[in-house]
């Protein structure tokens, strides 16, 4: 259907936004399940007070920003690859590679932060630093996803066959 779409008077941005809307609409049950799971974690009696509220407030937006990365990279690889199987594989590989690199950098940063400390840090401080690093990682994911979206709009009409 892409060659048919490209002969219509739609702009590249409109075509990509339509693809994104369709992808998010298909992912809506998973997003709702994610919200329900975060609510269950919020009800979990293991966490108390401010830490519990902090976990709930940052966890859901962090996961939604991860979905932005998947949508952006999926639309980019969908415009670059010949088959949908190749674009799905490239999207999954890029997600896991970025996730692994960010995870390693987060752990190295936390280890280096507490390396010089002679006493064990308080659990609340470690949790707060971990939360902030997760938010920074999510913003990095979102920035990469938006960059992929921008590139997919530019590359839509190049090499469609």
Protein backbone atom coordinates (compact mmCIF):
# COMPACT_ATOMS: atom_id res chain seq x y z
CA UNK A 1 0.00 0.00 0.00
CA UNK A 2 2.96 2.35 0.35
CA UNK A 3 3.28 3.07 -3.41
CA UNK A 4 -0.44 3.92 -3.50
CA UNK A 5 -0.03 6.26 -0.51
CA UNK A 6 2.91 7.99 -2.11
CA UNK A 7 0.90 9.05 -5.19
CA UNK A 8 -1.77 10.70 -3.02
CA UNK A 9 -1.42 14.37 -2.08
CA UNK A 10 -0.43 13.48 1.48
CA UNK A 11 2.83 14.76 2.89
CA UNK A 12 5.44 12.40 4.31
CA UNK A 13 4.68 13.60 7.83
CA UNK A 14 0.98 12.72 7.46
CA UNK A 15 1.77 9.21 6.23
CA UNK A 16 4.20 8.53 9.10
CA UNK A 17 1.78 9.96 11.68
CA UNK A 18 -0.96 7.69 10.31
CA UNK A 19 1.34 4.70 10.68
CA UNK A 20 2.18 5.75 14.24
CA UNK A 21 -1.48 6.19 15.18
CA UNK A 22 -2.25 2.73 13.83
CA UNK A 23 0.69 1.24 15.75
CA UNK A 24 -0.29 2.91 19.02
CA UNK A 25 -3.93 1.88 18.55
CA UNK A 26 -2.77 -1.73 18.14
CA UNK A 27 -0.56 -1.41 21.23
CA UNK A 28 -3.30 0.14 23.38
CA UNK A 29 -4.19 -3.13 25.18
CA UNK A 30 -0.54 -3.54 26.15
CA UNK A 31 -0.34 0.07 27.37
CA UNK A 32 -3.46 -0.46 29.49
CA UNK A 33 -1.95 -3.70 30.86
CA UNK A 34 1.22 -1.77 31.69
CA UNK A 35 -0.81 0.83 33.60
CA UNK A 36 -2.62 -1.92 35.51
CA UNK A 37 0.69 -3.58 36.43
CA UNK A 38 2.06 -0.25 37.66
CA UNK A 39 -1.07 0.21 39.77
CA UNK A 40 -0.55 -3.25 41.24
CA UNK A 41 3.03 -2.30 42.10
CA UNK A 42 1.72 0.85 43.72
CA UNK A 43 -0.63 -1.19 45.90
CA UNK A 44 2.26 -3.52 46.85
CA UNK A 45 2.83 -3.17 50.62
CA UNK A 46 6.61 -3.64 50.27
CA UNK A 47 7.19 0.04 49.50
CA UNK A 48 6.09 2.73 51.89
CA UNK A 49 5.56 6.47 51.74
CA UNK A 50 7.54 8.68 49.41
CA UNK A 51 9.44 5.86 47.73
CA UNK A 52 6.18 4.17 46.83
CA UNK A 53 4.76 7.34 45.33
CA UNK A 54 8.02 8.08 43.49
CA UNK A 55 8.04 4.61 41.95
CA UNK A 56 4.49 5.02 40.70
CA UNK A 57 5.05 8.52 39.36
CA UNK A 58 8.11 7.72 37.29
CA UNK A 59 7.58 4.11 36.24
CA UNK A 60 4.61 4.52 33.88
CA UNK A 61 5.98 7.53 31.93
CA UNK A 62 9.35 5.79 31.64
CA UNK A 63 7.66 2.78 30.06
CA UNK A 64 5.58 4.93 27.70
CA UNK A 65 8.74 6.71 26.53
CA UNK A 66 10.19 3.27 25.80
CA UNK A 67 7.18 2.68 23.57
CA UNK A 68 8.03 5.96 21.79
CA UNK A 69 11.45 4.52 20.98
CA UNK A 70 9.89 1.36 19.57
CA UNK A 71 7.38 3.31 17.47
CA UNK A 72 10.06 5.68 16.15
CA UNK A 73 12.58 2.99 15.31
CA UNK A 74 9.84 0.78 13.87
CA UNK A 75 8.69 3.50 11.51
CA UNK A 76 12.28 4.24 10.52
CA UNK A 77 13.21 0.64 9.82
CA UNK A 78 9.84 0.15 8.14
CA UNK A 79 10.79 2.80 5.59
CA UNK A 80 14.34 1.49 5.16
CA UNK A 81 13.84 -2.29 4.93
CA UNK A 82 12.27 -4.23 2.07
CA UNK A 83 10.21 -6.61 4.24
CA UNK A 84 8.29 -6.18 7.45
CA UNK A 85 10.15 -9.12 9.01
CA UNK A 86 13.47 -7.36 8.51
CA UNK A 87 12.11 -4.11 9.96
CA UNK A 88 10.72 -5.88 13.05
CA UNK A 89 14.02 -7.70 13.57
CA UNK A 90 16.01 -4.46 13.19
CA UNK A 91 13.68 -2.67 15.61
CA UNK A 92 14.04 -5.40 18.25
CA UNK A 93 17.81 -5.57 17.86
CA UNK A 94 18.17 -1.79 18.11
CA UNK A 95 15.96 -1.70 21.22
CA UNK A 96 17.91 -4.42 22.99
CA UNK A 97 21.28 -2.97 22.02
CA UNK A 98 20.41 0.50 23.30
CA UNK A 99 18.78 -1.01 26.41
CA UNK A 100 21.89 -3.07 27.18
CA UNK A 101 24.25 -0.12 26.66
CA UNK A 102 22.12 2.17 28.85
CA UNK A 103 21.79 -0.52 31.52
CA UNK A 104 25.54 -1.06 31.65
CA UNK A 105 26.22 2.69 31.83
CA UNK A 106 23.65 3.12 34.63
CA UNK A 107 25.24 0.37 36.71
CA UNK A 108 28.75 1.67 36.11
CA UNK A 109 27.62 5.16 37.16
CA UNK A 110 26.05 3.89 40.39
CA UNK A 111 29.13 1.80 41.21
CA UNK A 112 31.47 4.74 40.59
CA UNK A 113 29.28 7.02 42.67
CA UNK A 114 29.51 4.83 45.76
CA UNK A 115 33.04 3.48 45.23
CA UNK A 116 34.71 6.05 47.44
CA UNK A 117 32.16 5.70 50.24
CA UNK A 118 33.43 3.86 53.29
CA UNK A 119 29.96 3.04 54.61
CA UNK A 120 27.03 1.47 52.86
CA UNK A 121 24.66 4.05 51.39
CA UNK A 122 21.12 4.32 52.63
CA UNK A 123 18.60 2.28 50.59
CA UNK A 124 16.50 5.39 49.94
CA UNK A 125 19.47 7.19 48.40
CA UNK A 126 20.30 4.25 46.14
CA UNK A 127 16.64 4.03 45.11
CA UNK A 128 16.51 7.76 44.37
CA UNK A 129 19.68 7.65 42.28
CA UNK A 130 18.40 4.58 40.45
CA UNK A 131 15.11 6.37 39.73
CA UNK A 132 16.88 9.46 38.40
CA UNK A 133 19.13 7.35 36.17
CA UNK A 134 16.07 5.51 34.84
CA UNK A 135 14.41 8.83 34.01
CA UNK A 136 17.54 10.04 32.23
CA UNK A 137 17.70 6.75 30.32
CA UNK A 138 14.06 7.10 29.32
CA UNK A 139 14.68 10.62 28.05
CA UNK A 140 17.61 9.27 26.04
CA UNK A 141 15.33 6.55 24.62
CA UNK A 142 12.73 9.20 23.75
CA UNK A 143 15.30 11.40 22.02
CA UNK A 144 16.50 8.49 19.91
CA UNK A 145 12.89 7.58 19.09
CA UNK A 146 12.13 11.14 17.98
CA UNK A 147 15.30 11.17 15.88
CA UNK A 148 14.20 7.93 14.21
CA UNK A 149 10.79 9.49 13.51
CA UNK A 150 12.42 12.52 11.90
CA UNK A 151 14.64 10.30 9.77
CA UNK A 152 11.68 8.15 8.71
CA UNK A 153 9.82 11.23 7.46
CA UNK A 154 12.88 12.26 5.43
CA UNK A 155 13.54 8.80 3.99
CA UNK A 156 9.94 7.80 3.21
CA UNK A 157 10.06 8.47 -0.53
CA UNK A 158 13.58 7.12 -1.07
CA UNK A 159 13.95 3.60 -2.47
CA UNK A 160 10.39 2.31 -1.98
CA UNK A 161 10.82 -0.81 -4.09
